[in-house]
């Protein structure tokens, strides 16, 4: 197998050049975040967000902190896949007042506090990220999240600029298979996950000692109004015990010469430069999904367990997303020719259609 044709960056670079246009030197991908998203103009089309998720056996948690110019968004969402019970809370901030995100990911803490909702995302010196939130569920039940997503030394990620044009472009930093631990408390129910999580008494749930994996999606760019994308990811152990992380994308990158596709094995990234083939049913997302690489090095089957359907209609913003959570099984061949087989990796897949 050969490495991707895409240009690999190895030194820090500004995303935007003169006149507010995409810096030609920023085109490429890297194994760690190197782009400074100096988006100082282009109001109305500029989008900034950090999205975190934790895959912890039967428990899935996600949190977003976003500024899309005319509105700010923040939320915490959770689901117990074994029961289908879900919850959380979301807020919107007109004009995104006070919701700033740094040009360089993890360079400054993110925080927002509103009635019945508080969220803080902060980074430790060792690269780990602390996500803490408190909120009231719809029925008034008090809830709290306290989670840490580790960044092991040398753990790589998919970082790439998608250049639709010199005026429309996106820097994305996608992290998969980062170990996570912590707890989610909703009323008297406690879910503990990750390292050292064990079943407790009463309302405690140690999730049967399942490993927990953190996911991060950093977005900084200037988007066209209408967009459509696939995104998928997952993590777990290969048949021979290695840690596998899947980072899969599609549709929004077509025709740009770059992708956000890659597979991690024990924290080392193999970048995939070709567009992947996605097979699924938009109208029946709980049917099995399949993702394959045209050169045959990646074969994936996804079995959904839970469907999260999001549909928003606003004055200048509309979006519809089918996101499913379940398990990935399949195989992958690294650049060195090693075949990695795996089954039942925790993960997710989605298609989103937006006008924003």
Protein backbone atom coordinates (compact mmCIF):
# COMPACT_ATOMS: atom_id res chain seq x y z
CA UNK A 1 0.00 0.00 0.00
CA UNK A 2 1.15 3.56 -0.72
CA UNK A 3 0.78 6.70 1.34
CA UNK A 4 -1.74 9.39 0.39
CA UNK A 5 -1.01 11.80 -2.44
CA UNK A 6 -2.01 14.74 -0.20
CA UNK A 7 0.65 17.20 0.94
CA UNK A 8 1.70 16.68 4.57
CA UNK A 9 2.44 19.77 6.67
CA UNK A 10 5.03 19.62 9.44
CA UNK A 11 5.24 23.24 10.68
CA UNK A 12 2.70 25.80 12.00
CA UNK A 13 0.91 27.86 9.36
CA UNK A 14 -1.76 30.58 9.17
CA UNK A 15 -5.06 29.50 7.63
CA UNK A 16 -5.84 32.89 6.09
CA UNK A 17 -3.53 34.98 3.94
CA UNK A 18 -3.77 38.43 2.42
CA UNK A 19 -7.16 39.87 1.55
CA UNK A 20 -8.93 37.35 3.75
CA UNK A 21 -8.31 34.57 1.25
CA UNK A 22 -7.12 31.05 1.96
CA UNK A 23 -3.37 30.91 2.46
CA UNK A 24 -1.98 28.63 -0.26
CA UNK A 25 0.64 27.37 2.16
CA UNK A 26 -2.16 26.13 4.45
CA UNK A 27 -3.39 23.53 1.97
CA UNK A 28 -2.49 20.12 3.32
CA UNK A 29 -2.87 17.76 6.26
CA UNK A 30 -0.94 17.07 9.43
CA UNK A 31 -0.71 14.52 12.25
CA UNK A 32 -1.34 17.14 14.93
CA UNK A 33 -3.06 20.55 14.79
CA UNK A 34 -0.72 23.05 13.10
CA UNK A 35 -3.10 25.62 11.57
CA UNK A 36 -3.82 28.98 13.18
CA UNK A 37 -7.38 29.85 12.16
CA UNK A 38 -6.91 33.63 11.88
CA UNK A 39 -10.46 34.27 10.63
CA UNK A 40 -10.62 38.03 11.14
CA UNK A 41 -13.22 38.85 8.48
CA UNK A 42 -16.02 37.22 6.48
CA UNK A 43 -18.83 37.67 9.00
CA UNK A 44 -21.91 35.58 8.28
CA UNK A 45 -20.06 32.69 6.65
CA UNK A 46 -17.49 32.04 9.38
CA UNK A 47 -18.08 28.95 11.54
CA UNK A 48 -16.15 27.92 14.64
CA UNK A 49 -16.88 24.94 16.87
CA UNK A 50 -15.48 22.31 19.20
CA UNK A 51 -17.52 19.12 19.44
CA UNK A 52 -16.70 16.44 21.99
CA UNK A 53 -18.14 12.95 22.31
CA UNK A 54 -17.46 10.04 24.63
CA UNK A 55 -18.17 6.46 23.57
CA UNK A 56 -18.44 4.36 26.73
CA UNK A 57 -20.07 1.02 26.01
CA UNK A 58 -23.82 1.49 26.47
CA UNK A 59 -23.34 5.19 27.26
CA UNK A 60 -22.77 7.95 24.70
CA UNK A 61 -22.23 11.59 25.69
CA UNK A 62 -21.68 14.60 23.45
CA UNK A 63 -21.16 18.33 23.93
CA UNK A 64 -20.81 21.17 21.46
CA UNK A 65 -19.58 24.74 21.86
CA UNK A 66 -20.07 26.73 18.65
CA UNK A 67 -20.08 30.23 17.23
CA UNK A 68 -21.54 30.49 13.72
CA UNK A 69 -21.46 34.31 13.66
CA UNK A 70 -25.16 35.10 14.01
CA UNK A 71 -25.82 32.56 16.75
CA UNK A 72 -23.97 30.69 19.48
CA UNK A 73 -24.80 27.09 20.37
CA UNK A 74 -23.90 24.96 23.36
CA UNK A 75 -25.26 21.67 24.61
CA UNK A 76 -24.77 18.42 26.46
CA UNK A 77 -26.56 15.31 25.24
CA UNK A 78 -26.49 11.71 26.44
CA UNK A 79 -28.10 8.36 25.70
CA UNK A 80 -28.11 4.98 27.41
CA UNK A 81 -28.05 2.61 24.44
CA UNK A 82 -29.25 -0.32 26.54
CA UNK A 83 -32.56 1.37 27.36
CA UNK A 84 -32.91 4.16 24.79
CA UNK A 85 -33.24 6.70 27.61
CA UNK A 86 -31.69 10.03 26.63
CA UNK A 87 -31.45 13.58 27.92
CA UNK A 88 -29.41 16.73 28.18
CA UNK A 89 -29.94 20.40 27.48
CA UNK A 90 -29.13 22.91 24.75
CA UNK A 91 -28.98 26.69 24.63
CA UNK A 92 -28.70 29.29 21.88
CA UNK A 93 -27.13 32.72 22.22
CA UNK A 94 -28.29 35.36 19.70
CA UNK A 95 -25.31 37.00 18.04
CA UNK A 96 -23.05 34.45 19.82
CA UNK A 97 -22.29 37.12 22.41
CA UNK A 98 -19.45 36.04 24.69
CA UNK A 99 -18.90 32.72 22.89
CA UNK A 100 -15.39 33.04 21.49
CA UNK A 101 -13.21 30.15 20.32
CA UNK A 102 -9.42 30.47 19.96
CA UNK A 103 -7.60 30.49 16.61
CA UNK A 104 -5.48 27.57 17.82
CA UNK A 105 -7.42 24.63 19.30
CA UNK A 106 -6.97 24.14 23.06
CA UNK A 107 -5.30 27.55 23.45
CA UNK A 108 -8.01 28.96 25.75
CA UNK A 109 -10.82 27.56 27.91
CA UNK A 110 -14.41 27.62 26.64
CA UNK A 111 -17.22 28.46 29.01
CA UNK A 112 -20.82 29.54 28.97
CA UNK A 113 -23.37 29.95 31.76
CA UNK A 114 -27.09 30.50 31.38
CA UNK A 115 -30.15 29.69 33.44
CA UNK A 116 -30.15 25.95 34.18
CA UNK A 117 -27.04 25.36 32.04
CA UNK A 118 -23.28 25.74 32.55
CA UNK A 119 -20.47 24.29 30.45
CA UNK A 120 -16.68 24.61 30.74
CA UNK A 121 -14.08 22.94 28.54
CA UNK A 122 -10.46 23.38 29.61
CA UNK A 123 -7.16 21.83 28.62
CA UNK A 124 -4.41 20.54 30.91
CA UNK A 125 -0.69 21.01 30.37
CA UNK A 126 -0.34 17.35 29.36
CA UNK A 127 -2.89 17.77 26.56
CA UNK A 128 -5.83 16.17 28.37
CA UNK A 129 -9.17 17.99 28.20
CA UNK A 130 -11.64 18.44 31.07
CA UNK A 131 -15.31 18.73 30.13
CA UNK A 132 -17.56 19.76 33.00
CA UNK A 133 -21.22 20.71 32.79
CA UNK A 134 -24.26 21.16 35.00
CA UNK A 135 -27.84 21.49 33.80
CA UNK A 136 -31.49 20.74 34.44
CA UNK A 137 -33.22 18.07 32.40
CA UNK A 138 -36.58 18.90 30.83
CA UNK A 139 -38.37 17.46 33.84
CA UNK A 140 -36.29 19.59 36.22
CA UNK A 141 -33.91 16.80 37.30
CA UNK A 142 -30.44 18.07 38.18
CA UNK A 143 -27.60 16.61 36.07
CA UNK A 144 -23.82 16.88 36.03
CA UNK A 145 -20.99 15.72 33.77
CA UNK A 146 -17.36 15.51 34.86
CA UNK A 147 -15.15 13.92 32.20
CA UNK A 148 -11.49 13.89 31.20
CA UNK A 149 -10.33 12.94 27.71
CA UNK A 150 -6.66 12.01 27.69
CA UNK A 151 -4.13 12.76 24.95
CA UNK A 152 -1.45 10.03 25.17
CA UNK A 153 2.09 11.06 24.12
CA UNK A 154 2.46 10.78 20.36
CA UNK A 155 -1.25 10.17 19.74
CA UNK A 156 -2.00 11.47 16.23
CA UNK A 157 -5.11 12.97 14.64
CA UNK A 158 -6.47 13.95 11.23
CA UNK A 159 -5.93 17.67 10.60
CA UNK A 160 -6.69 19.00 7.14
CA UNK A 161 -7.84 22.05 5.18
CA UNK A 162 -10.70 21.45 2.74
CA UNK A 163 -10.43 24.16 0.04
CA UNK A 164 -13.69 24.70 -1.85
CA UNK A 165 -12.27 28.01 -3.12
CA UNK A 166 -9.97 30.79 -1.93
CA UNK A 167 -13.00 32.36 -0.18
CA UNK A 168 -14.68 29.19 1.15
CA UNK A 169 -12.57 26.72 3.10
CA UNK A 170 -12.53 24.72 6.31
CA UNK A 171 -9.83 23.58 8.73
CA UNK A 172 -10.91 20.48 10.60
CA UNK A 173 -9.11 18.60 13.37
CA UNK A 174 -10.61 15.17 14.00
CA UNK A 175 -9.45 13.10 17.02
CA UNK A 176 -10.46 9.50 17.61
CA UNK A 177 -9.60 6.76 20.13
CA UNK A 178 -8.51 9.08 22.94
CA UNK A 179 -8.98 7.35 26.34
CA UNK A 180 -11.65 8.95 28.53
CA UNK A 181 -12.90 8.60 32.07
CA UNK A 182 -15.36 10.31 34.39
CA UNK A 183 -18.98 10.21 35.43
CA UNK A 184 -22.42 11.35 34.38
CA UNK A 185 -24.99 12.01 37.11
CA UNK A 186 -28.70 12.46 36.33
CA UNK A 187 -30.77 12.71 39.48
CA UNK A 188 -29.91 9.68 41.58
CA UNK A 189 -28.51 7.73 38.62
CA UNK A 190 -24.71 7.65 38.23
CA UNK A 191 -22.81 6.29 35.22
CA UNK A 192 -19.06 5.89 35.76
CA UNK A 193 -16.94 5.19 32.71
CA UNK A 194 -13.35 4.64 31.60
CA UNK A 195 -10.27 3.84 33.68
CA UNK A 196 -11.15 2.40 37.05
CA UNK A 197 -14.90 2.53 36.46
CA UNK A 198 -16.58 -0.23 38.41
CA UNK A 199 -20.16 -0.96 39.26
CA UNK A 200 -21.19 0.62 42.52
CA UNK A 201 -24.15 0.30 44.81
CA UNK A 202 -27.63 1.71 44.42
CA UNK A 203 -27.94 3.85 41.31
CA UNK A 204 -24.28 3.49 40.27
CA UNK A 205 -23.47 1.90 36.92
CA UNK A 206 -19.85 1.01 36.15
CA UNK A 207 -20.78 0.07 32.55
CA UNK A 208 -19.25 -3.40 33.06
CA UNK A 209 -15.72 -1.99 33.00
CA UNK A 210 -16.01 -0.95 29.33
CA UNK A 211 -13.24 1.21 27.92
CA UNK A 212 -14.30 4.74 27.05
CA UNK A 213 -13.03 6.70 24.07
CA UNK A 214 -13.05 10.43 23.41
CA UNK A 215 -13.86 12.03 20.05
CA UNK A 216 -13.06 15.63 19.07
CA UNK A 217 -14.19 17.59 16.03
CA UNK A 218 -12.64 21.06 15.75
CA UNK A 219 -14.03 23.25 12.97
CA UNK A 220 -12.73 26.65 11.85
CA UNK A 221 -13.62 28.04 8.44
CA UNK A 222 -15.86 29.88 6.01
CA UNK A 223 -18.62 27.72 4.63
CA UNK A 224 -20.93 27.91 1.62
CA UNK A 225 -24.58 28.31 2.57
CA UNK A 226 -25.75 24.82 1.53
CA UNK A 227 -23.71 21.83 2.65
CA UNK A 228 -24.03 18.06 2.95
CA UNK A 229 -21.67 15.69 4.69
CA UNK A 230 -21.03 12.22 6.05
CA UNK A 231 -19.06 11.69 9.21
CA UNK A 232 -18.26 8.52 11.07
CA UNK A 233 -15.87 7.38 13.75
CA UNK A 234 -15.21 4.75 16.31
CA UNK A 235 -12.67 3.12 18.58
CA UNK A 236 -11.86 -0.13 20.28
CA UNK A 237 -9.52 -3.11 20.15
CA UNK A 238 -8.45 -5.13 17.12
CA UNK A 239 -8.63 -8.92 17.22
CA UNK A 240 -5.00 -8.95 18.41
CA UNK A 241 -5.50 -6.26 21.07
CA UNK A 242 -4.29 -3.10 19.36
CA UNK A 243 -6.21 0.18 19.77
CA UNK A 244 -7.99 1.10 16.53
CA UNK A 245 -9.50 4.51 15.79
CA UNK A 246 -11.65 5.20 12.72
CA UNK A 247 -12.04 8.66 11.17
CA UNK A 248 -14.36 8.67 8.16
CA UNK A 249 -15.85 11.46 6.06
CA UNK A 250 -17.53 12.08 2.75
CA UNK A 251 -19.55 14.26 0.38
CA UNK A 252 -18.38 17.68 1.63
CA UNK A 253 -14.78 17.03 0.57
CA UNK A 254 -15.50 15.74 -2.95
CA UNK A 255 -13.59 17.54 -5.72
CA UNK A 256 -11.25 19.42 -3.37
CA UNK A 257 -8.26 17.06 -3.61
CA UNK A 258 -8.30 16.41 0.15
CA UNK A 259 -10.22 14.16 2.55
CA UNK A 260 -10.65 13.81 6.30
CA UNK A 261 -10.19 10.03 6.19
CA UNK A 262 -7.73 8.02 8.26
CA UNK A 263 -7.25 5.05 10.56
CA UNK A 264 -5.28 5.04 13.81
CA UNK A 265 -3.50 1.93 15.10
CA UNK A 266 -2.05 2.38 18.59
CA UNK A 267 -2.18 6.14 18.06
CA UNK A 268 -0.33 6.15 14.71
CA UNK A 269 -2.28 7.54 11.75
CA UNK A 270 -2.53 6.12 8.26
CA UNK A 271 -3.99 8.92 6.13
CA UNK A 272 -6.39 7.92 3.35
CA UNK A 273 -6.45 10.32 0.42
CA UNK A 274 -9.24 8.73 -1.59
CA UNK A 275 -12.94 9.42 -1.14
CA UNK A 276 -14.70 6.53 0.58
CA UNK A 277 -17.83 4.78 -0.73
CA UNK A 278 -20.76 5.06 1.71
CA UNK A 279 -23.82 2.82 1.47
CA UNK A 280 -26.90 3.41 3.69
CA UNK A 281 -30.54 4.47 3.57
CA UNK A 282 -31.32 8.08 4.49
CA UNK A 283 -34.97 7.21 5.10
CA UNK A 284 -34.19 4.11 7.18
CA UNK A 285 -30.94 4.91 9.02
CA UNK A 286 -31.25 1.96 11.43
CA UNK A 287 -30.50 -0.40 8.56
CA UNK A 288 -26.82 -1.51 8.30
CA UNK A 289 -24.29 0.92 6.83
CA UNK A 290 -21.19 0.06 4.79
CA UNK A 291 -18.07 2.14 4.12
CA UNK A 292 -15.26 1.01 1.80
CA UNK A 293 -12.08 2.41 0.24
CA UNK A 294 -11.89 2.15 -3.56
CA UNK A 295 -8.44 0.48 -3.38
CA UNK A 296 -9.82 -2.27 -1.15
CA UNK A 297 -7.70 -1.53 1.90
CA UNK A 298 -10.65 -0.59 4.13
CA UNK A 299 -13.88 -2.58 4.56
CA UNK A 300 -16.36 -1.55 7.24
CA UNK A 301 -19.82 -2.69 8.26
CA UNK A 302 -21.78 -0.67 10.77
CA UNK A 303 -24.70 -2.03 12.82
CA UNK A 304 -26.78 0.80 14.37
CA UNK A 305 -28.36 0.48 17.82
CA UNK A 306 -29.80 3.97 18.26
CA UNK A 307 -30.98 6.74 15.92
CA UNK A 308 -30.69 10.42 16.83
CA UNK A 309 -32.68 12.57 14.41
CA UNK A 310 -32.11 16.33 14.60
CA UNK A 311 -34.09 18.83 12.55
CA UNK A 312 -33.88 22.59 13.03
CA UNK A 313 -35.78 25.25 11.08
CA UNK A 314 -34.88 28.88 11.82
CA UNK A 315 -34.86 32.16 9.93
CA UNK A 316 -31.38 31.79 8.42
CA UNK A 317 -30.47 28.32 9.60
CA UNK A 318 -31.87 24.90 8.83
CA UNK A 319 -30.30 21.52 9.35
CA UNK A 320 -31.35 17.88 9.36
CA UNK A 321 -29.08 15.12 10.61
CA UNK A 322 -29.51 11.38 10.91
CA UNK A 323 -26.87 10.18 13.40
CA UNK A 324 -26.72 6.56 14.46
CA UNK A 325 -24.71 4.87 17.22
CA UNK A 326 -23.64 1.26 17.19
CA UNK A 327 -20.65 -0.91 16.26
CA UNK A 328 -18.11 -1.15 13.42
CA UNK A 329 -16.58 -4.40 12.20
CA UNK A 330 -14.17 -4.96 9.35
CA UNK A 331 -10.54 -4.77 8.28
CA UNK A 332 -7.86 -2.29 7.29
CA UNK A 333 -4.42 -2.49 5.67
CA UNK A 334 -1.80 0.00 6.86
CA UNK A 335 0.80 1.72 4.64
CA UNK A 336 3.26 -0.94 5.85
CA UNK A 337 0.99 -3.72 4.59
CA UNK A 338 -0.26 -4.94 7.97
CA UNK A 339 -3.84 -6.18 7.93
CA UNK A 340 -5.85 -5.18 11.01
CA UNK A 341 -9.07 -7.07 11.71
CA UNK A 342 -11.61 -5.95 14.30
CA UNK A 343 -15.19 -6.45 15.43
CA UNK A 344 -17.71 -4.46 17.45
CA UNK A 345 -15.80 -1.19 17.76
CA UNK A 346 -17.94 1.46 19.47
CA UNK A 347 -18.87 4.19 17.05
CA UNK A 348 -21.27 6.37 15.09
CA UNK A 349 -22.17 7.41 11.55
CA UNK A 350 -24.20 10.29 10.16
CA UNK A 351 -25.41 12.30 7.22
CA UNK A 352 -26.17 15.99 7.68
CA UNK A 353 -27.85 18.38 5.27
CA UNK A 354 -27.64 22.04 6.22
CA UNK A 355 -28.38 25.57 5.06
CA UNK A 356 -26.52 27.89 7.41
